[in-house]
Amino acid sequence: MKRGILIAFIAVSFAGFLDAAFLALEHFLNRIPPCGFNGCEVVTTSAYSIVFGVPVALLGAIYYFLMFTGAVFAWQKGGDSYFRLLGRATWIGFLTSLWFIYVQLFVINAFCMYCIFSALTSTTLFVLGMGWRRKPKMVE
């Protein structure tokens, strides 16, 4: 089961990286990404899309890249301790995603499908990271 969790973690973190890297690229090219929702332009150009002069999408790409490379490293080293440490770091992405979902819902009143996807991937990484830490129940 733990091998499956690690494989899923690698796949989800890579998907999150692709999503965030695409948004970061669109930001630096000064383009609005194509969107199935009406709010992508509002969200990606809002004051909340930049933190300390850095696009949130770039910060997300860095986060997902670190999660991906950390998981690949844990896979290669075969150590539970590496992945446990990585799993503990997933709360950063999870709480950040909760904040940005709140901002989209209650402040901006618009949604970006790429941002929703990122929230789903960071939440999935959090759940997978917590799943690794669970100890299996003893069978009598």
C-alpha atoms as a PDB file:
ATOM      1  CA  MET A   1       0.000   0.000   0.000  1.00  0.00           C
ATOM      2  CA  LYS A   2       2.782   2.459   0.817  1.00  0.00           C
ATOM      3  CA  ARG A   3       4.342   1.982  -2.616  1.00  0.00           C
ATOM      4  CA  GLY A   4       0.987   2.914  -4.168  1.00  0.00           C
ATOM      5  CA  ILE A   5       0.817   6.030  -1.995  1.00  0.00           C
ATOM      6  CA  LEU A   6       4.289   7.068  -3.110  1.00  0.00           C
ATOM      7  CA  ILE A   7       3.485   6.485  -6.798  1.00  0.00           C
ATOM      8  CA  ALA A   8       0.261   8.489  -6.434  1.00  0.00           C
ATOM      9  CA  PHE A   9       2.183  11.260  -4.650  1.00  0.00           C
ATOM     10  CA  ILE A  10       4.703  11.445  -7.492  1.00  0.00           C
ATOM     11  CA  ALA A  11       1.949  11.568 -10.140  1.00  0.00           C
ATOM     12  CA  VAL A  12      -0.174  14.169  -8.316  1.00  0.00           C
ATOM     13  CA  SER A  13       2.784  16.420  -7.504  1.00  0.00           C
ATOM     14  CA  PHE A  14       3.874  16.300 -11.156  1.00  0.00           C
ATOM     15  CA  ALA A  15       0.343  17.222 -12.290  1.00  0.00           C
ATOM     16  CA  GLY A  16       0.336  20.097  -9.793  1.00  0.00           C
ATOM     17  CA  PHE A  17       3.704  21.261 -11.108  1.00  0.00           C
ATOM     18  CA  LEU A  18       2.474  21.261 -14.714  1.00  0.00           C
ATOM     19  CA  ASP A  19      -0.636  23.239 -13.724  1.00  0.00           C
ATOM     20  CA  ALA A  20       1.246  25.858 -11.711  1.00  0.00           C
ATOM     21  CA  ALA A  21       4.105  26.117 -14.221  1.00  0.00           C
ATOM     22  CA  PHE A  22       1.588  26.751 -17.007  1.00  0.00           C
ATOM     23  CA  LEU A  23      -0.032  29.560 -15.010  1.00  0.00           C
ATOM     24  CA  ALA A  24       3.374  31.038 -14.169  1.00  0.00           C
ATOM     25  CA  LEU A  25       4.364  30.953 -17.837  1.00  0.00           C
ATOM     26  CA  GLU A  26       1.102  32.641 -18.829  1.00  0.00           C
ATOM     27  CA  HIS A  27       1.751  35.304 -16.201  1.00  0.00           C
ATOM     28  CA  PHE A  28       5.256  36.059 -17.486  1.00  0.00           C
ATOM     29  CA  LEU A  29       4.012  36.106 -21.087  1.00  0.00           C
ATOM     30  CA  ASN A  30       1.298  38.541 -19.940  1.00  0.00           C
ATOM     31  CA  ARG A  31      -1.487  36.294 -21.256  1.00  0.00           C
ATOM     32  CA  ILE A  32      -4.765  35.189 -19.782  1.00  0.00           C
ATOM     33  CA  PRO A  33      -4.976  31.384 -19.821  1.00  0.00           C
ATOM     34  CA  PRO A  34      -7.866  29.803 -21.713  1.00  0.00           C
ATOM     35  CA  CYS A  35     -10.527  28.940 -19.182  1.00  0.00           C
ATOM     36  CA  GLY A  36     -13.779  27.029 -18.950  1.00  0.00           C
ATOM     37  CA  PHE A  37     -14.912  29.377 -16.190  1.00  0.00           C
ATOM     38  CA  ASN A  38     -15.679  33.071 -16.561  1.00  0.00           C
ATOM     39  CA  GLY A  39     -13.408  34.100 -13.696  1.00  0.00           C
ATOM     40  CA  CYS A  40      -9.886  33.070 -14.727  1.00  0.00           C
ATOM     41  CA  GLU A  41      -8.984  36.565 -15.889  1.00  0.00           C
ATOM     42  CA  VAL A  42     -10.342  38.130 -12.709  1.00  0.00           C
ATOM     43  CA  VAL A  43      -8.472  35.670 -10.480  1.00  0.00           C
ATOM     44  CA  THR A  44      -5.159  35.594 -12.343  1.00  0.00           C
ATOM     45  CA  THR A  45      -4.948  39.392 -12.579  1.00  0.00           C
ATOM     46  CA  SER A  46      -6.172  40.189  -9.071  1.00  0.00           C
ATOM     47  CA  ALA A  47      -3.984  41.689  -6.368  1.00  0.00           C
ATOM     48  CA  TYR A  48      -4.045  38.248  -4.704  1.00  0.00           C
ATOM     49  CA  SER A  49      -2.201  36.640  -7.629  1.00  0.00           C
ATOM     50  CA  ILE A  50       1.101  38.201  -6.529  1.00  0.00           C
ATOM     51  CA  VAL A  51       2.771  37.929  -3.111  1.00  0.00           C
ATOM     52  CA  PHE A  52       5.767  40.143  -2.341  1.00  0.00           C
ATOM     53  CA  GLY A  53       6.179  40.779  -6.068  1.00  0.00           C
ATOM     54  CA  VAL A  54       6.244  37.060  -6.923  1.00  0.00           C
ATOM     55  CA  PRO A  55       3.405  35.413  -8.857  1.00  0.00           C
ATOM     56  CA  VAL A  56       1.534  32.893  -6.714  1.00  0.00           C
ATOM     57  CA  ALA A  57       1.665  30.479  -9.653  1.00  0.00           C
ATOM     58  CA  LEU A  58       5.472  30.533  -9.561  1.00  0.00           C
ATOM     59  CA  LEU A  59       5.442  29.826  -5.828  1.00  0.00           C
ATOM     60  CA  GLY A  60       3.063  26.944  -6.518  1.00  0.00           C
ATOM     61  CA  ALA A  61       5.321  25.561  -9.235  1.00  0.00           C
ATOM     62  CA  ILE A  62       8.267  25.648  -6.824  1.00  0.00           C
ATOM     63  CA  TYR A  63       6.204  23.920  -4.121  1.00  0.00           C
ATOM     64  CA  TYR A  64       5.042  21.142  -6.450  1.00  0.00           C
ATOM     65  CA  PHE A  65       8.544  20.733  -7.900  1.00  0.00           C
ATOM     66  CA  LEU A  66       9.941  20.269  -4.389  1.00  0.00           C
ATOM     67  CA  MET A  67       7.193  17.764  -3.568  1.00  0.00           C
ATOM     68  CA  PHE A  68       7.858  15.856  -6.800  1.00  0.00           C
ATOM     69  CA  THR A  69      11.640  15.750  -6.469  1.00  0.00           C
ATOM     70  CA  GLY A  70      11.365  14.874  -2.782  1.00  0.00           C
ATOM     71  CA  ALA A  71       9.049  11.966  -3.571  1.00  0.00           C
ATOM     72  CA  VAL A  72      11.343  10.715  -6.339  1.00  0.00           C
ATOM     73  CA  PHE A  73      14.256  10.948  -3.903  1.00  0.00           C
ATOM     74  CA  ALA A  74      12.273   8.979  -1.287  1.00  0.00           C
ATOM     75  CA  TRP A  75      11.457   6.385  -3.957  1.00  0.00           C
ATOM     76  CA  GLN A  76      15.127   6.013  -4.928  1.00  0.00           C
ATOM     77  CA  LYS A  77      16.391   5.865  -1.352  1.00  0.00           C
ATOM     78  CA  GLY A  78      13.560   3.596  -0.242  1.00  0.00           C
ATOM     79  CA  GLY A  79      13.349   5.342   3.092  1.00  0.00           C
ATOM     80  CA  ASP A  80      10.133   5.909   4.966  1.00  0.00           C
ATOM     81  CA  SER A  81      11.748   8.718   6.926  1.00  0.00           C
ATOM     82  CA  TYR A  82      12.280  10.807   3.765  1.00  0.00           C
ATOM     83  CA  PHE A  83       8.672  10.497   2.745  1.00  0.00           C
ATOM     84  CA  ARG A  84       7.375  11.102   6.280  1.00  0.00           C
ATOM     85  CA  LEU A  85       9.258  14.403   6.288  1.00  0.00           C
ATOM     86  CA  LEU A  86       7.831  15.254   2.872  1.00  0.00           C
ATOM     87  CA  GLY A  87       4.335  14.295   4.026  1.00  0.00           C
ATOM     88  CA  ARG A  88       4.646  16.692   6.959  1.00  0.00           C
ATOM     89  CA  ALA A  89       5.405  19.552   4.560  1.00  0.00           C
ATOM     90  CA  THR A  90       2.144  19.070   2.629  1.00  0.00           C
ATOM     91  CA  TRP A  91       0.204  21.129   5.155  1.00  0.00           C
ATOM     92  CA  ILE A  92       1.823  24.226   3.610  1.00  0.00           C
ATOM     93  CA  GLY A  93       0.148  23.643   0.238  1.00  0.00           C
ATOM     94  CA  PHE A  94      -3.100  22.519   1.859  1.00  0.00           C
ATOM     95  CA  LEU A  95      -3.500  25.614   4.042  1.00  0.00           C
ATOM     96  CA  THR A  96      -2.427  27.897   1.199  1.00  0.00           C
ATOM     97  CA  SER A  97      -5.057  26.322  -1.049  1.00  0.00           C
ATOM     98  CA  LEU A  98      -7.732  26.788   1.607  1.00  0.00           C
ATOM     99  CA  TRP A  99      -6.813  30.470   1.788  1.00  0.00           C
ATOM    100  CA  PHE A 100      -6.990  30.965  -1.976  1.00  0.00           C
ATOM    101  CA  ILE A 101     -10.299  29.101  -2.265  1.00  0.00           C
ATOM    102  CA  TYR A 102     -11.647  31.420   0.442  1.00  0.00           C
ATOM    103  CA  VAL A 103     -10.348  34.456  -1.493  1.00  0.00           C
ATOM    104  CA  GLN A 104     -11.944  33.254  -4.738  1.00  0.00           C
ATOM    105  CA  LEU A 105     -15.242  32.469  -3.054  1.00  0.00           C
ATOM    106  CA  PHE A 106     -15.693  35.401  -0.673  1.00  0.00           C
ATOM    107  CA  VAL A 107     -13.360  38.206  -1.791  1.00  0.00           C
ATOM    108  CA  ILE A 108     -12.919  38.067  -5.557  1.00  0.00           C
ATOM    109  CA  ASN A 109     -16.216  36.274  -6.269  1.00  0.00           C
ATOM    110  CA  ALA A 110     -14.661  34.518  -9.263  1.00  0.00           C
ATOM    111  CA  PHE A 111     -13.093  31.126  -9.886  1.00  0.00           C
ATOM    112  CA  CYS A 112     -10.162  29.910 -11.936  1.00  0.00           C
ATOM    113  CA  MET A 113     -10.246  26.266 -13.022  1.00  0.00           C
ATOM    114  CA  TYR A 114      -6.455  26.022 -12.801  1.00  0.00           C
ATOM    115  CA  CYS A 115      -6.574  27.306  -9.225  1.00  0.00           C
ATOM    116  CA  ILE A 116      -9.310  24.819  -8.335  1.00  0.00           C
ATOM    117  CA  PHE A 117      -7.191  22.038  -9.850  1.00  0.00           C
ATOM    118  CA  SER A 118      -4.223  23.196  -7.775  1.00  0.00           C
ATOM    119  CA  ALA A 119      -6.356  23.145  -4.635  1.00  0.00           C
ATOM    120  CA  LEU A 120      -7.420  19.590  -5.447  1.00  0.00           C
ATOM    121  CA  THR A 121      -3.838  18.459  -6.053  1.00  0.00           C
ATOM    122  CA  SER A 122      -2.494  20.064  -2.876  1.00  0.00           C
ATOM    123  CA  THR A 123      -5.349  18.556  -0.865  1.00  0.00           C
ATOM    124  CA  THR A 124      -4.656  15.151  -2.409  1.00  0.00           C
ATOM    125  CA  LEU A 125      -0.973  15.457  -1.519  1.00  0.00           C
ATOM    126  CA  PHE A 126      -1.953  16.342   2.043  1.00  0.00           C
ATOM    127  CA  VAL A 127      -4.225  13.297   2.306  1.00  0.00           C
ATOM    128  CA  LEU A 128      -1.557  11.031   0.789  1.00  0.00           C
ATOM    129  CA  GLY A 129       1.065  12.442   3.135  1.00  0.00           C
ATOM    130  CA  MET A 130      -1.176  11.815   6.126  1.00  0.00           C
ATOM    131  CA  GLY A 131      -1.977   8.318   4.825  1.00  0.00           C
ATOM    132  CA  TRP A 132       1.700   7.458   4.893  1.00  0.00           C
ATOM    133  CA  ARG A 133       1.925   8.384   8.565  1.00  0.00           C
ATOM    134  CA  ARG A 134      -0.955   6.134   9.604  1.00  0.00           C
ATOM    135  CA  LYS A 135       0.127   2.948  11.208  1.00  0.00           C
ATOM    136  CA  PRO A 136      -1.727  -0.167  10.072  1.00  0.00           C
ATOM    137  CA  LYS A 137      -4.055  -1.721  12.650  1.00  0.00           C
ATOM    138  CA  MET A 138      -2.890  -4.926  14.236  1.00  0.00           C
ATOM    139  CA  VAL A 139      -4.882  -7.980  13.185  1.00  0.00           C
ATOM    140  CA  GLU A 140      -5.630 -10.396  15.976  1.00  0.00           C
END
